[in-house]
Full PDB file with SEQRES, HELIX, SHEET, SSBOND, CRYST1, ORIGX, SCALE, CONECT and MASTER records, all heavy atoms in Angstrom:
SEQRES   1 A   38  VAL ASN ASP ILE ASN ILE GLY SER GLN VAL ASN LYS VAL          
SEQRES   2 A   38  ILE ILE GLN SER ASP TRP MET HIS ARG ASN ARG ILE GLY          
SEQRES   3 A   38  SER ILE GLY ASN ILE TYR VAL ARG SER LEU ALA GLY              
HELIX    1 AA1 TRP A   19  HIS A   21  5                                   3    
HELIX    2 AA2 ILE A   25  ASN A   30  5                                   6    
SHEET    1 AA1 2 ASN A   2  ILE A   6  0                                        
SHEET    2 AA1 2 GLN A   9  VAL A  13 -1                                        
CRYST1    1.000    1.000    1.000  90.00  90.00  90.00 P 1           1          
ORIGX1      1.000000  0.000000  0.000000        0.00000                         
ORIGX2      0.000000  1.000000  0.000000        0.00000                         
ORIGX3      0.000000  0.000000  1.000000        0.00000                         
SCALE1      1.000000  0.000000  0.000000        0.00000                         
SCALE2      0.000000  1.000000  0.000000        0.00000                         
SCALE3      0.000000  0.000000  1.000000        0.00000                         
ATOM      1  N   VAL A   1     -22.526 -43.191 -42.959  1.00  0.00           N  
ATOM      2  CA  VAL A   1     -23.574 -43.557 -42.011  1.00  0.00           C  
ATOM      3  C   VAL A   1     -23.989 -42.350 -41.183  1.00  0.00           C  
ATOM      4  O   VAL A   1     -25.151 -41.921 -41.204  1.00  0.00           O  
ATOM      5  CB  VAL A   1     -23.113 -44.693 -41.074  1.00  0.00           C  
ATOM      6  CG1 VAL A   1     -24.211 -45.024 -40.065  1.00  0.00           C  
ATOM      7  CG2 VAL A   1     -22.753 -45.910 -41.885  1.00  0.00           C  
ATOM      8  N   ASN A   2     -23.053 -41.747 -40.488  1.00  0.00           N  
ATOM      9  CA  ASN A   2     -23.403 -40.629 -39.614  1.00  0.00           C  
ATOM     10  C   ASN A   2     -22.098 -40.008 -39.105  1.00  0.00           C  
ATOM     11  O   ASN A   2     -20.996 -40.432 -39.466  1.00  0.00           O  
ATOM     12  CB  ASN A   2     -24.244 -41.141 -38.428  1.00  0.00           C  
ATOM     13  CG  ASN A   2     -25.124 -40.048 -37.850  1.00  0.00           C  
ATOM     14  OD1 ASN A   2     -24.836 -38.856 -38.038  1.00  0.00           O  
ATOM     15  ND2 ASN A   2     -26.174 -40.422 -37.146  1.00  0.00           N  
ATOM     16  N   ASP A   3     -22.249 -38.992 -38.255  1.00  0.00           N  
ATOM     17  CA  ASP A   3     -21.102 -38.390 -37.582  1.00  0.00           C  
ATOM     18  C   ASP A   3     -21.082 -38.858 -36.133  1.00  0.00           C  
ATOM     19  O   ASP A   3     -22.128 -39.133 -35.519  1.00  0.00           O  
ATOM     20  CB  ASP A   3     -21.193 -36.874 -37.628  1.00  0.00           C  
ATOM     21  CG  ASP A   3     -21.027 -36.333 -39.035  1.00  0.00           C  
ATOM     22  OD1 ASP A   3     -20.466 -37.063 -39.883  1.00  0.00           O  
ATOM     23  OD2 ASP A   3     -21.476 -35.198 -39.308  1.00  0.00           O  
ATOM     24  N   ILE A   4     -19.899 -38.920 -35.575  1.00  0.00           N  
ATOM     25  CA  ILE A   4     -19.726 -39.320 -34.174  1.00  0.00           C  
ATOM     26  C   ILE A   4     -18.758 -38.358 -33.485  1.00  0.00           C  
ATOM     27  O   ILE A   4     -17.769 -37.942 -34.086  1.00  0.00           O  
ATOM     28  CB  ILE A   4     -19.213 -40.779 -34.063  1.00  0.00           C  
ATOM     29  CG1 ILE A   4     -19.130 -41.187 -32.612  1.00  0.00           C  
ATOM     30  CG2 ILE A   4     -17.892 -40.961 -34.768  1.00  0.00           C  
ATOM     31  CD1 ILE A   4     -18.778 -42.656 -32.425  1.00  0.00           C  
ATOM     32  N   ASN A   5     -19.103 -37.975 -32.285  1.00  0.00           N  
ATOM     33  CA  ASN A   5     -18.241 -37.074 -31.514  1.00  0.00           C  
ATOM     34  C   ASN A   5     -17.302 -37.867 -30.650  1.00  0.00           C  
ATOM     35  O   ASN A   5     -17.733 -38.693 -29.815  1.00  0.00           O  
ATOM     36  CB  ASN A   5     -19.096 -36.156 -30.637  1.00  0.00           C  
ATOM     37  CG  ASN A   5     -19.984 -35.231 -31.445  1.00  0.00           C  
ATOM     38  OD1 ASN A   5     -19.603 -34.787 -32.516  1.00  0.00           O  
ATOM     39  ND2 ASN A   5     -21.183 -34.945 -30.952  1.00  0.00           N  
ATOM     40  N   ILE A   6     -16.022 -37.652 -30.845  1.00  0.00           N  
ATOM     41  CA  ILE A   6     -14.995 -38.283 -30.009  1.00  0.00           C  
ATOM     42  C   ILE A   6     -14.181 -37.158 -29.379  1.00  0.00           C  
ATOM     43  O   ILE A   6     -13.348 -36.536 -30.033  1.00  0.00           O  
ATOM     44  CB  ILE A   6     -14.068 -39.220 -30.839  1.00  0.00           C  
ATOM     45  CG1 ILE A   6     -14.899 -40.312 -31.513  1.00  0.00           C  
ATOM     46  CG2 ILE A   6     -12.978 -39.816 -29.972  1.00  0.00           C  
ATOM     47  CD1 ILE A   6     -14.084 -41.240 -32.387  1.00  0.00           C  
ATOM     48  N   GLY A   7     -14.472 -36.922 -28.118  1.00  0.00           N  
ATOM     49  CA  GLY A   7     -13.841 -35.801 -27.442  1.00  0.00           C  
ATOM     50  C   GLY A   7     -14.369 -34.504 -28.041  1.00  0.00           C  
ATOM     51  O   GLY A   7     -15.582 -34.227 -28.067  1.00  0.00           O  
ATOM     52  N   SER A   8     -13.449 -33.677 -28.551  1.00  0.00           N  
ATOM     53  CA  SER A   8     -13.851 -32.405 -29.168  1.00  0.00           C  
ATOM     54  C   SER A   8     -13.862 -32.488 -30.696  1.00  0.00           C  
ATOM     55  O   SER A   8     -14.023 -31.463 -31.352  1.00  0.00           O  
ATOM     56  CB  SER A   8     -12.867 -31.308 -28.719  1.00  0.00           C  
ATOM     57  OG  SER A   8     -11.548 -31.622 -29.121  1.00  0.00           O  
ATOM     58  N   GLN A   9     -13.679 -33.682 -31.232  1.00  0.00           N  
ATOM     59  CA  GLN A   9     -13.635 -33.842 -32.670  1.00  0.00           C  
ATOM     60  C   GLN A   9     -14.900 -34.516 -33.171  1.00  0.00           C  
ATOM     61  O   GLN A   9     -15.507 -35.335 -32.503  1.00  0.00           O  
ATOM     62  CB  GLN A   9     -12.422 -34.693 -33.082  1.00  0.00           C  
ATOM     63  CG  GLN A   9     -11.075 -34.041 -32.776  1.00  0.00           C  
ATOM     64  CD  GLN A   9      -9.920 -34.904 -33.228  1.00  0.00           C  
ATOM     65  OE1 GLN A   9     -10.091 -36.071 -33.560  1.00  0.00           O  
ATOM     66  NE2 GLN A   9      -8.713 -34.352 -33.232  1.00  0.00           N  
ATOM     67  N   VAL A  10     -15.295 -34.112 -34.402  1.00  0.00           N  
ATOM     68  CA  VAL A  10     -16.418 -34.710 -35.063  1.00  0.00           C  
ATOM     69  C   VAL A  10     -15.903 -35.567 -36.200  1.00  0.00           C  
ATOM     70  O   VAL A  10     -15.219 -35.085 -37.104  1.00  0.00           O  
ATOM     71  CB  VAL A  10     -17.403 -33.648 -35.593  1.00  0.00           C  
ATOM     72  CG1 VAL A  10     -18.563 -34.317 -36.331  1.00  0.00           C  
ATOM     73  CG2 VAL A  10     -17.918 -32.777 -34.466  1.00  0.00           C  
ATOM     74  N   ASN A  11     -16.166 -36.863 -36.160  1.00  0.00           N  
ATOM     75  CA  ASN A  11     -15.656 -37.813 -37.149  1.00  0.00           C  
ATOM     76  C   ASN A  11     -16.812 -38.412 -37.928  1.00  0.00           C  
ATOM     77  O   ASN A  11     -17.922 -38.611 -37.388  1.00  0.00           O  
ATOM     78  CB  ASN A  11     -14.850 -38.917 -36.471  1.00  0.00           C  
ATOM     79  CG  ASN A  11     -13.636 -38.401 -35.729  1.00  0.00           C  
ATOM     80  OD1 ASN A  11     -12.578 -38.228 -36.309  1.00  0.00           O  
ATOM     81  ND2 ASN A  11     -13.814 -38.144 -34.428  1.00  0.00           N  
ATOM     82  N   LYS A  12     -16.539 -38.717 -39.169  1.00  0.00           N  
ATOM     83  CA  LYS A  12     -17.550 -39.355 -40.026  1.00  0.00           C  
ATOM     84  C   LYS A  12     -17.460 -40.861 -39.887  1.00  0.00           C  
ATOM     85  O   LYS A  12     -16.365 -41.431 -39.820  1.00  0.00           O  
ATOM     86  CB  LYS A  12     -17.337 -38.957 -41.494  1.00  0.00           C  
ATOM     87  CG  LYS A  12     -17.554 -37.490 -41.765  1.00  0.00           C  
ATOM     88  CD  LYS A  12     -17.380 -37.182 -43.230  1.00  0.00           C  
ATOM     89  CE  LYS A  12     -17.588 -35.697 -43.526  1.00  0.00           C  
ATOM     90  NZ  LYS A  12     -18.955 -35.265 -43.201  1.00  0.00           N  
ATOM     91  N   VAL A  13     -18.599 -41.518 -39.854  1.00  0.00           N  
ATOM     92  CA  VAL A  13     -18.666 -42.967 -39.780  1.00  0.00           C  
ATOM     93  C   VAL A  13     -18.925 -43.475 -41.194  1.00  0.00           C  
ATOM     94  O   VAL A  13     -19.974 -43.223 -41.803  1.00  0.00           O  
ATOM     95  CB  VAL A  13     -19.788 -43.443 -38.836  1.00  0.00           C  
ATOM     96  CG1 VAL A  13     -19.853 -44.963 -38.798  1.00  0.00           C  
ATOM     97  CG2 VAL A  13     -19.548 -42.878 -37.431  1.00  0.00           C  
ATOM     98  N   ILE A  14     -17.955 -44.184 -41.757  1.00  0.00           N  
ATOM     99  CA  ILE A  14     -18.031 -44.718 -43.101  1.00  0.00           C  
ATOM    100  C   ILE A  14     -17.763 -46.211 -43.051  1.00  0.00           C  
ATOM    101  O   ILE A  14     -16.766 -46.659 -42.444  1.00  0.00           O  
ATOM    102  CB  ILE A  14     -17.006 -44.027 -44.034  1.00  0.00           C  
ATOM    103  CG1 ILE A  14     -17.313 -42.523 -44.114  1.00  0.00           C  
ATOM    104  CG2 ILE A  14     -17.022 -44.644 -45.427  1.00  0.00           C  
ATOM    105  CD1 ILE A  14     -16.297 -41.755 -44.925  1.00  0.00           C  
ATOM    106  N   ILE A  15     -18.644 -47.022 -43.631  1.00  0.00           N  
ATOM    107  CA  ILE A  15     -18.487 -48.460 -43.589  1.00  0.00           C  
ATOM    108  C   ILE A  15     -18.001 -48.956 -44.949  1.00  0.00           C  
ATOM    109  O   ILE A  15     -18.279 -48.371 -45.994  1.00  0.00           O  
ATOM    110  CB  ILE A  15     -19.798 -49.167 -43.205  1.00  0.00           C  
ATOM    111  CG1 ILE A  15     -20.899 -48.841 -44.222  1.00  0.00           C  
ATOM    112  CG2 ILE A  15     -20.236 -48.766 -41.805  1.00  0.00           C  
ATOM    113  CD1 ILE A  15     -22.178 -49.599 -43.964  1.00  0.00           C  
ATOM    114  N   GLN A  16     -17.263 -50.075 -44.894  1.00  0.00           N  
ATOM    115  CA  GLN A  16     -16.688 -50.676 -46.082  1.00  0.00           C  
ATOM    116  C   GLN A  16     -16.232 -52.090 -45.721  1.00  0.00           C  
ATOM    117  O   GLN A  16     -15.825 -52.336 -44.592  1.00  0.00           O  
ATOM    118  CB  GLN A  16     -15.517 -49.846 -46.620  1.00  0.00           C  
ATOM    119  CG  GLN A  16     -14.910 -50.370 -47.895  1.00  0.00           C  
ATOM    120  CD  GLN A  16     -13.634 -49.585 -48.269  1.00  0.00           C  
ATOM    121  OE1 GLN A  16     -12.713 -49.443 -47.457  1.00  0.00           O  
ATOM    122  NE2 GLN A  16     -13.587 -49.097 -49.499  1.00  0.00           N  
ATOM    123  N   SER A  17     -16.337 -52.995 -46.691  1.00  0.00           N  
ATOM    124  CA  SER A  17     -15.891 -54.360 -46.437  1.00  0.00           C  
ATOM    125  C   SER A  17     -14.369 -54.377 -46.279  1.00  0.00           C  
ATOM    126  O   SER A  17     -13.644 -53.587 -46.879  1.00  0.00           O  
ATOM    127  CB  SER A  17     -16.302 -55.255 -47.598  1.00  0.00           C  
ATOM    128  OG  SER A  17     -15.834 -56.587 -47.385  1.00  0.00           O  
ATOM    129  N   ASP A  18     -13.900 -55.322 -45.439  1.00  0.00           N  
ATOM    130  CA  ASP A  18     -12.467 -55.429 -45.208  1.00  0.00           C  
ATOM    131  C   ASP A  18     -11.784 -55.868 -46.512  1.00  0.00           C  
ATOM    132  O   ASP A  18     -12.376 -56.486 -47.389  1.00  0.00           O  
ATOM    133  CB  ASP A  18     -12.204 -56.445 -44.100  1.00  0.00           C  
ATOM    134  CG  ASP A  18     -10.800 -56.303 -43.523  1.00  0.00           C  
ATOM    135  OD1 ASP A  18     -10.108 -55.331 -43.936  1.00  0.00           O  
ATOM    136  OD2 ASP A  18     -10.396 -57.142 -42.707  1.00  0.00           O  
ATOM    137  N   TRP A  19     -10.485 -55.558 -46.598  1.00  0.00           N  
ATOM    138  CA  TRP A  19      -9.755 -55.782 -47.867  1.00  0.00           C  
ATOM    139  C   TRP A  19      -9.756 -57.255 -48.258  1.00  0.00           C  
ATOM    140  O   TRP A  19      -9.871 -57.596 -49.428  1.00  0.00           O  
ATOM    141  CB  TRP A  19      -8.327 -55.257 -47.717  1.00  0.00           C  
ATOM    142  CG  TRP A  19      -7.438 -55.608 -48.871  1.00  0.00           C  
ATOM    143  CD1 TRP A  19      -6.345 -56.413 -48.852  1.00  0.00           C  
ATOM    144  CD2 TRP A  19      -7.586 -55.157 -50.208  1.00  0.00           C  
ATOM    145  NE1 TRP A  19      -5.786 -56.490 -50.094  1.00  0.00           N  
ATOM    146  CE2 TRP A  19      -6.540 -55.739 -50.963  1.00  0.00           C  
ATOM    147  CE3 TRP A  19      -8.496 -54.341 -50.869  1.00  0.00           C  
ATOM    148  CZ2 TRP A  19      -6.368 -55.524 -52.322  1.00  0.00           C  
ATOM    149  CZ3 TRP A  19      -8.318 -54.124 -52.233  1.00  0.00           C  
ATOM    150  CH2 TRP A  19      -7.274 -54.701 -52.956  1.00  0.00           C  
ATOM    151  N   MET A  20      -9.634 -58.149 -47.310  1.00  0.00           N  
ATOM    152  CA  MET A  20      -9.566 -59.585 -47.626  1.00  0.00           C  
ATOM    153  C   MET A  20     -10.894 -60.092 -48.204  1.00  0.00           C  
ATOM    154  O   MET A  20     -10.905 -61.171 -48.812  1.00  0.00           O  
ATOM    155  CB  MET A  20      -9.183 -60.372 -46.362  1.00  0.00           C  
ATOM    156  CG  MET A  20     -10.251 -60.355 -45.261  1.00  0.00           C  
ATOM    157  SD  MET A  20      -9.745 -61.314 -43.821  1.00  0.00           S  
ATOM    158  CE  MET A  20      -8.291 -60.417 -43.285  1.00  0.00           C  
ATOM    159  N   HIS A  21     -11.964 -59.339 -48.040  1.00  0.00           N  
ATOM    160  CA  HIS A  21     -13.260 -59.760 -48.548  1.00  0.00           C  
ATOM    161  C   HIS A  21     -13.662 -59.011 -49.836  1.00  0.00           C  
ATOM    162  O   HIS A  21     -14.798 -59.178 -50.287  1.00  0.00           O  
ATOM    163  CB  HIS A  21     -14.345 -59.522 -47.483  1.00  0.00           C  
ATOM    164  CG  HIS A  21     -14.093 -60.279 -46.236  1.00  0.00           C  
ATOM    165  ND1 HIS A  21     -14.151 -61.667 -46.149  1.00  0.00           N  
ATOM    166  CD2 HIS A  21     -13.791 -59.848 -44.971  1.00  0.00           C  
ATOM    167  CE1 HIS A  21     -13.895 -62.067 -44.912  1.00  0.00           C  
ATOM    168  NE2 HIS A  21     -13.672 -60.977 -44.166  1.00  0.00           N  
ATOM    169  N   ARG A  22     -12.731 -58.235 -50.383  1.00  0.00           N  
ATOM    170  CA  ARG A  22     -13.061 -57.509 -51.629  1.00  0.00           C  
ATOM    171  C   ARG A  22     -11.864 -57.387 -52.561  1.00  0.00           C  
ATOM    172  O   ARG A  22     -11.839 -56.551 -53.459  1.00  0.00           O  
ATOM    173  CB  ARG A  22     -13.579 -56.110 -51.300  1.00  0.00           C  
ATOM    174  CG  ARG A  22     -12.656 -55.240 -50.465  1.00  0.00           C  
ATOM    175  CD  ARG A  22     -13.307 -53.919 -50.128  1.00  0.00           C  
ATOM    176  NE  ARG A  22     -12.470 -53.118 -49.247  1.00  0.00           N  
ATOM    177  CZ  ARG A  22     -11.531 -52.272 -49.636  1.00  0.00           C  
ATOM    178  NH1 ARG A  22     -11.290 -52.102 -50.909  1.00  0.00           N  
ATOM    179  NH2 ARG A  22     -10.839 -51.594 -48.750  1.00  0.00           N  
ATOM    180  N   ASN A  23     -10.851 -58.237 -52.388  1.00  0.00           N  
ATOM    181  CA  ASN A  23      -9.646 -58.144 -53.200  1.00  0.00           C  
ATOM    182  C   ASN A  23      -9.616 -59.148 -54.351  1.00  0.00           C  
ATOM    183  O   ASN A  23      -8.649 -59.235 -55.073  1.00  0.00           O  
ATOM    184  CB  ASN A  23      -8.386 -58.323 -52.336  1.00  0.00           C  
ATOM    185  CG  ASN A  23      -8.365 -59.699 -51.661  1.00  0.00           C  
ATOM    186  OD1 ASN A  23      -9.341 -60.440 -51.711  1.00  0.00           O  
ATOM    187  ND2 ASN A  23      -7.265 -60.011 -50.990  1.00  0.00           N  
ATOM    188  N   ARG A  24     -10.677 -59.935 -54.520  1.00  0.00           N  
ATOM    189  CA  ARG A  24     -10.749 -60.920 -55.604  1.00  0.00           C  
ATOM    190  C   ARG A  24     -12.081 -60.808 -56.320  1.00  0.00           C  
ATOM    191  O   ARG A  24     -13.065 -60.301 -55.749  1.00  0.00           O  
ATOM    192  CB  ARG A  24     -10.583 -62.341 -55.046  1.00  0.00           C  
ATOM    193  CG  ARG A  24      -9.256 -62.605 -54.357  1.00  0.00           C  
ATOM    194  CD  ARG A  24      -9.139 -64.081 -53.951  1.00  0.00           C  
ATOM    195  NE  ARG A  24     -10.297 -64.500 -53.142  1.00  0.00           N  
ATOM    196  CZ  ARG A  24     -10.385 -64.346 -51.831  1.00  0.00           C  
ATOM    197  NH1 ARG A  24      -9.377 -63.772 -51.158  1.00  0.00           N  
ATOM    198  NH2 ARG A  24     -11.443 -64.726 -51.187  1.00  0.00           N  
ATOM    199  N   ILE A  25     -12.123 -61.324 -57.569  1.00  0.00           N  
ATOM    200  CA  ILE A  25     -13.362 -61.289 -58.335  1.00  0.00           C  
ATOM    201  C   ILE A  25     -14.432 -62.150 -57.657  1.00  0.00           C  
ATOM    202  O   ILE A  25     -15.610 -61.810 -57.621  1.00  0.00           O  
ATOM    203  CB  ILE A  25     -13.116 -61.757 -59.771  1.00  0.00           C  
ATOM    204  CG1 ILE A  25     -12.106 -60.842 -60.471  1.00  0.00           C  
ATOM    205  CG2 ILE A  25     -14.406 -61.802 -60.559  1.00  0.00           C  
ATOM    206  CD1 ILE A  25     -11.750 -61.274 -61.856  1.00  0.00           C  
ATOM    207  N   GLY A  26     -13.993 -63.271 -57.066  1.00  0.00           N  
ATOM    208  CA  GLY A  26     -14.973 -64.150 -56.428  1.00  0.00           C  
ATOM    209  C   GLY A  26     -15.602 -63.569 -55.189  1.00  0.00           C  
ATOM    210  O   GLY A  26     -16.583 -64.102 -54.690  1.00  0.00           O  
ATOM    211  N   SER A  27     -15.038 -62.445 -54.686  1.00  0.00           N  
ATOM    212  CA  SER A  27     -15.607 -61.837 -53.494  1.00  0.00           C  
ATOM    213  C   SER A  27     -17.009 -61.293 -53.750  1.00  0.00           C  
ATOM    214  O   SER A  27     -17.807 -61.174 -52.818  1.00  0.00           O  
ATOM    215  CB  SER A  27     -14.705 -60.709 -52.989  1.00  0.00           C  
ATOM    216  OG  SER A  27     -13.406 -61.203 -52.699  1.00  0.00           O  
ATOM    217  N   ILE A  28     -17.304 -60.980 -55.010  1.00  0.00           N  
ATOM    218  CA  ILE A  28     -18.643 -60.443 -55.339  1.00  0.00           C  
ATOM    219  C   ILE A  28     -19.710 -61.496 -55.070  1.00  0.00           C  
ATOM    220  O   ILE A  28     -20.804 -61.203 -54.578  1.00  0.00           O  
ATOM    221  CB  ILE A  28     -18.674 -59.951 -56.783  1.00  0.00           C  
ATOM    222  CG1 ILE A  28     -17.649 -58.853 -56.975  1.00  0.00           C  
ATOM    223  CG2 ILE A  28     -20.066 -59.485 -57.167  1.00  0.00           C  
ATOM    224  CD1 ILE A  28     -17.548 -58.342 -58.395  1.00  0.00           C  
ATOM    225  N   GLY A  29     -19.412 -62.757 -55.401  1.00  0.00           N  
ATOM    226  CA  GLY A  29     -20.418 -63.798 -55.201  1.00  0.00           C  
ATOM    227  C   GLY A  29     -20.616 -64.201 -53.766  1.00  0.00           C  
ATOM    228  O   GLY A  29     -21.577 -64.936 -53.449  1.00  0.00           O  
ATOM    229  N   ASN A  30     -19.761 -63.755 -52.866  1.00  0.00           N  
ATOM    230  CA  ASN A  30     -19.852 -64.146 -51.473  1.00  0.00           C  
ATOM    231  C   ASN A  30     -20.699 -63.203 -50.620  1.00  0.00           C  
ATOM    232  O   ASN A  30     -20.893 -63.475 -49.429  1.00  0.00           O  
ATOM    233  CB  ASN A  30     -18.469 -64.266 -50.853  1.00  0.00           C  
ATOM    234  CG  ASN A  30     -17.647 -65.364 -51.526  1.00  0.00           C  
ATOM    235  OD1 ASN A  30     -18.191 -66.336 -52.009  1.00  0.00           O  
ATOM    236  ND2 ASN A  30     -16.312 -65.175 -51.543  1.00  0.00           N  
ATOM    237  N   ILE A  31     -21.162 -62.105 -51.186  1.00  0.00           N  
ATOM    238  CA  ILE A  31     -21.961 -61.189 -50.391  1.00  0.00           C  
ATOM    239  C   ILE A  31     -23.449 -61.540 -50.573  1.00  0.00           C  
ATOM    240  O   ILE A  31     -23.839 -62.216 -51.527  1.00  0.00           O  
ATOM    241  CB  ILE A  31     -21.703 -59.725 -50.804  1.00  0.00           C  
ATOM    242  CG1 ILE A  31     -22.099 -59.490 -52.246  1.00  0.00           C  
ATOM    243  CG2 ILE A  31     -20.233 -59.362 -50.598  1.00  0.00           C  
ATOM    244  CD1 ILE A  31     -21.940 -58.033 -52.690  1.00  0.00           C  
ATOM    245  N   TYR A  32     -24.269 -61.029 -49.661  1.00  0.00           N  
ATOM    246  CA  TYR A  32     -25.692 -61.336 -49.668  1.00  0.00           C  
ATOM    247  C   TYR A  32     -26.483 -60.042 -49.773  1.00  0.00           C  
ATOM    248  O   TYR A  32     -26.070 -58.993 -49.270  1.00  0.00           O  
ATOM    249  CB  TYR A  32     -26.089 -62.092 -48.388  1.00  0.00           C  
ATOM    250  CG  TYR A  32     -25.549 -63.488 -48.320  1.00  0.00           C  
ATOM    251  CD1 TYR A  32     -24.247 -63.735 -47.885  1.00  0.00           C  
ATOM    252  CD2 TYR A  32     -26.335 -64.577 -48.720  1.00  0.00           C  
ATOM    253  CE1 TYR A  32     -23.721 -65.018 -47.831  1.00  0.00           C  
ATOM    254  CE2 TYR A  32     -25.825 -65.880 -48.650  1.00  0.00           C  
ATOM    255  CZ  TYR A  32     -24.525 -66.082 -48.219  1.00  0.00           C  
ATOM    256  OH  TYR A  32     -24.035 -67.349 -48.182  1.00  0.00           O  
ATOM    257  N   VAL A  33     -27.661 -60.167 -50.406  1.00  0.00           N  
ATOM    258  CA  VAL A  33     -28.575 -59.042 -50.573  1.00  0.00           C  
ATOM    259  C   VAL A  33     -29.882 -59.389 -49.901  1.00  0.00           C  
ATOM    260  O   VAL A  33     -30.383 -60.511 -50.043  1.00  0.00           O  
ATOM    261  CB  VAL A  33     -28.798 -58.711 -52.049  1.00  0.00           C  
ATOM    262  CG1 VAL A  33     -29.706 -57.497 -52.191  1.00  0.00           C  
ATOM    263  CG2 VAL A  33     -27.485 -58.492 -52.769  1.00  0.00           C  
ATOM    264  N   ARG A  34     -30.461 -58.436 -49.164  1.00  0.00           N  
ATOM    265  CA  ARG A  34     -31.713 -58.704 -48.458  1.00  0.00           C  
ATOM    266  C   ARG A  34     -32.901 -58.433 -49.406  1.00  0.00           C  
ATOM    267  O   ARG A  34     -32.963 -57.409 -50.056  1.00  0.00           O  
ATOM    268  CB  ARG A  34     -31.809 -57.840 -47.219  1.00  0.00           C  
ATOM    269  CG  ARG A  34     -32.974 -58.194 -46.306  1.00  0.00           C  
ATOM    270  CD  ARG A  34     -32.902 -57.410 -45.009  1.00  0.00           C  
ATOM    271  NE  ARG A  34     -31.695 -57.752 -44.272  1.00  0.00           N  
ATOM    272  CZ  ARG A  34     -31.585 -58.808 -43.475  1.00  0.00           C  
ATOM    273  NH1 ARG A  34     -32.609 -59.656 -43.311  1.00  0.00           N  
ATOM    274  NH2 ARG A  34     -30.459 -59.038 -42.815  1.00  0.00           N  
ATOM    275  N   SER A  35     -33.783 -59.383 -49.450  1.00  0.00           N  
ATOM    276  CA  SER A  35     -34.976 -59.261 -50.292  1.00  0.00           C  
ATOM    277  C   SER A  35     -36.082 -58.545 -49.527  1.00  0.00           C  
ATOM    278  O   SER A  35     -35.945 -58.238 -48.335  1.00  0.00           O  
ATOM    279  CB  SER A  35     -35.466 -60.638 -50.738  1.00  0.00           C  
ATOM    280  OG  SER A  35     -35.922 -61.394 -49.608  1.00  0.00           O  
ATOM    281  N   LEU A  36     -37.205 -58.311 -50.238  1.00  0.00           N  
ATOM    282  CA  LEU A  36     -38.342 -57.658 -49.588  1.00  0.00           C  
ATOM    283  C   LEU A  36     -38.967 -58.542 -48.524  1.00  0.00           C  
ATOM    284  O   LEU A  36     -39.639 -58.066 -47.602  1.00  0.00           O  
ATOM    285  CB  LEU A  36     -39.380 -57.274 -50.636  1.00  0.00           C  
ATOM    286  CG  LEU A  36     -38.928 -56.226 -51.677  1.00  0.00           C  
ATOM    287  CD1 LEU A  36     -40.047 -55.973 -52.687  1.00  0.00           C  
ATOM    288  CD2 LEU A  36     -38.535 -54.933 -50.988  1.00  0.00           C  
ATOM    289  N   ALA A  37     -38.765 -59.862 -48.629  1.00  0.00           N  
ATOM    290  CA  ALA A  37     -39.306 -60.784 -47.633  1.00  0.00           C  
ATOM    291  C   ALA A  37     -38.430 -60.901 -46.407  1.00  0.00           C  
ATOM    292  O   ALA A  37     -38.775 -61.593 -45.440  1.00  0.00           O  
ATOM    293  CB  ALA A  37     -39.504 -62.178 -48.256  1.00  0.00           C  
ATOM    294  N   GLY A  38     -37.250 -60.254 -46.428  1.00  0.00           N  
ATOM    295  CA  GLY A  38     -36.359 -60.281 -45.301  1.00  0.00           C  
ATOM    296  C   GLY A  38     -35.312 -61.369 -45.358  1.00  0.00           C  
ATOM    297  O   GLY A  38     -34.474 -61.476 -44.460  1.00  0.00           O  
TER     298      GLY A  38                                                      
MASTER        0    0    0    2    2    0    0    6  297    1    0    3          
END                                                                             
């Protein structure tokens, strides 16, 4: 996503689904995709 300054350190902001929401095959069907209509 971006970098964030915490004190004197520069950290990277990386997003990812939590493990409980991506540890099974059925987890793929539970996510949503945004269409062009919103």
